[in-house]
Amino acid sequence: MTRAHSRAVERGMAVSVFTSELFGAGNEGDNHAAVWAVPWEELDLVGLDVHGPRNAVDKVARGARIHP
């Protein structure tokens, strides 16, 4: 998941992250604060949303298990 996130960021793609910290927060403001409080390298990624052309997203996600 971290590798896919890095690939997407390197390619300038729109990325949303879902971390384990998000599931402990009760509202959107706390969710954002929970993510920004942790350095990118230390995020406990549990999900990733990447927006872009299908072939570019496929390259970013290569090797990862996709959950539709």
C-alpha atoms as a PDB file:
ATOM      1  CA  MET A   1       0.000   0.000   0.000  1.00  0.00           C
ATOM      2  CA  THR A   2       2.831   2.392   0.854  1.00  0.00           C
ATOM      3  CA  ARG A   3       4.536   1.632  -2.450  1.00  0.00           C
ATOM      4  CA  ALA A   4       1.329   2.347  -4.397  1.00  0.00           C
ATOM      5  CA  HIS A   5       0.890   5.607  -2.482  1.00  0.00           C
ATOM      6  CA  SER A   6       4.453   6.666  -3.307  1.00  0.00           C
ATOM      7  CA  ARG A   7       4.007   5.814  -6.981  1.00  0.00           C
ATOM      8  CA  ALA A   8       0.797   7.833  -7.187  1.00  0.00           C
ATOM      9  CA  VAL A   9       2.335  10.868  -5.471  1.00  0.00           C
ATOM     10  CA  GLU A  10       5.436  10.690  -7.696  1.00  0.00           C
ATOM     11  CA  ARG A  11       3.167  10.734 -10.763  1.00  0.00           C
ATOM     12  CA  GLY A  12       1.169  13.704  -9.459  1.00  0.00           C
ATOM     13  CA  MET A  13      -2.085  11.753  -9.248  1.00  0.00           C
ATOM     14  CA  ALA A  14      -4.989  12.660  -6.968  1.00  0.00           C
ATOM     15  CA  VAL A  15      -4.717  10.451  -3.872  1.00  0.00           C
ATOM     16  CA  SER A  16      -6.892   9.935  -0.801  1.00  0.00           C
ATOM     17  CA  VAL A  17      -5.578   7.894   2.093  1.00  0.00           C
ATOM     18  CA  PHE A  18      -7.429   5.865   4.659  1.00  0.00           C
ATOM     19  CA  THR A  19      -5.453   5.196   7.828  1.00  0.00           C
ATOM     20  CA  SER A  20      -6.251   3.220  10.929  1.00  0.00           C
ATOM     21  CA  GLU A  21      -6.263   6.549  12.822  1.00  0.00           C
ATOM     22  CA  LEU A  22      -9.305   7.677  10.811  1.00  0.00           C
ATOM     23  CA  PHE A  23     -11.493   5.007  12.322  1.00  0.00           C
ATOM     24  CA  GLY A  24     -10.967   6.350  15.844  1.00  0.00           C
ATOM     25  CA  ALA A  25     -12.098   9.878  15.000  1.00  0.00           C
ATOM     26  CA  GLY A  26     -15.721  10.920  15.195  1.00  0.00           C
ATOM     27  CA  ASN A  27     -15.939  13.696  12.617  1.00  0.00           C
ATOM     28  CA  GLU A  28     -14.259  15.032   9.496  1.00  0.00           C
ATOM     29  CA  GLY A  29     -12.196  17.669  11.296  1.00  0.00           C
ATOM     30  CA  ASP A  30     -10.775  15.093  13.698  1.00  0.00           C
ATOM     31  CA  ASN A  31     -10.149  12.743  10.750  1.00  0.00           C
ATOM     32  CA  HIS A  32      -8.018  15.347   8.983  1.00  0.00           C
ATOM     33  CA  ALA A  33      -6.154  16.175  12.185  1.00  0.00           C
ATOM     34  CA  ALA A  34      -5.468  12.473  12.822  1.00  0.00           C
ATOM     35  CA  VAL A  35      -3.878  12.040   9.392  1.00  0.00           C
ATOM     36  CA  TRP A  36      -1.862  15.291   9.472  1.00  0.00           C
ATOM     37  CA  ALA A  37      -0.523  14.493  12.971  1.00  0.00           C
ATOM     38  CA  VAL A  38       1.457  11.532  11.598  1.00  0.00           C
ATOM     39  CA  PRO A  39       4.450  11.875   9.220  1.00  0.00           C
ATOM     40  CA  TRP A  40       3.712  10.355   5.780  1.00  0.00           C
ATOM     41  CA  GLU A  41       6.340   7.651   6.254  1.00  0.00           C
ATOM     42  CA  GLU A  42       4.639   6.475   9.448  1.00  0.00           C
ATOM     43  CA  LEU A  43       1.000   6.413   8.300  1.00  0.00           C
ATOM     44  CA  ASP A  44      -0.730   3.102   8.955  1.00  0.00           C
ATOM     45  CA  LEU A  45      -2.381   2.889   5.529  1.00  0.00           C
ATOM     46  CA  VAL A  46      -5.401   0.608   5.388  1.00  0.00           C
ATOM     47  CA  GLY A  47      -6.844   1.952   2.143  1.00  0.00           C
ATOM     48  CA  LEU A  48      -5.976   4.133  -0.802  1.00  0.00           C
ATOM     49  CA  ASP A  49      -8.018   5.904  -3.449  1.00  0.00           C
ATOM     50  CA  VAL A  50      -6.203   6.974  -6.621  1.00  0.00           C
ATOM     51  CA  HIS A  51      -7.854   8.989  -9.372  1.00  0.00           C
ATOM     52  CA  GLY A  52      -6.502   9.081 -12.899  1.00  0.00           C
ATOM     53  CA  PRO A  53      -6.550   7.307 -16.251  1.00  0.00           C
ATOM     54  CA  ARG A  54      -7.108   3.581 -15.849  1.00  0.00           C
ATOM     55  CA  ASN A  55      -3.731   2.580 -17.294  1.00  0.00           C
ATOM     56  CA  ALA A  56      -1.931   4.986 -14.926  1.00  0.00           C
ATOM     57  CA  VAL A  57      -3.893   3.708 -11.914  1.00  0.00           C
ATOM     58  CA  ASP A  58      -3.115   0.116 -12.956  1.00  0.00           C
ATOM     59  CA  LYS A  59       0.608   0.933 -12.997  1.00  0.00           C
ATOM     60  CA  VAL A  60       0.395   2.543  -9.562  1.00  0.00           C
ATOM     61  CA  ALA A  61      -1.486  -0.439  -8.134  1.00  0.00           C
ATOM     62  CA  ARG A  62       0.646  -3.123  -9.788  1.00  0.00           C
ATOM     63  CA  GLY A  63       1.282  -5.897  -7.277  1.00  0.00           C
ATOM     64  CA  ALA A  64      -1.416  -4.737  -4.846  1.00  0.00           C
ATOM     65  CA  ARG A  65      -4.665  -6.509  -4.153  1.00  0.00           C
ATOM     66  CA  ILE A  66      -7.559  -4.416  -5.423  1.00  0.00           C
ATOM     67  CA  HIS A  67     -10.832  -4.241  -3.515  1.00  0.00           C
ATOM     68  CA  PRO A  68     -13.625  -2.946  -5.768  1.00  0.00           C
END
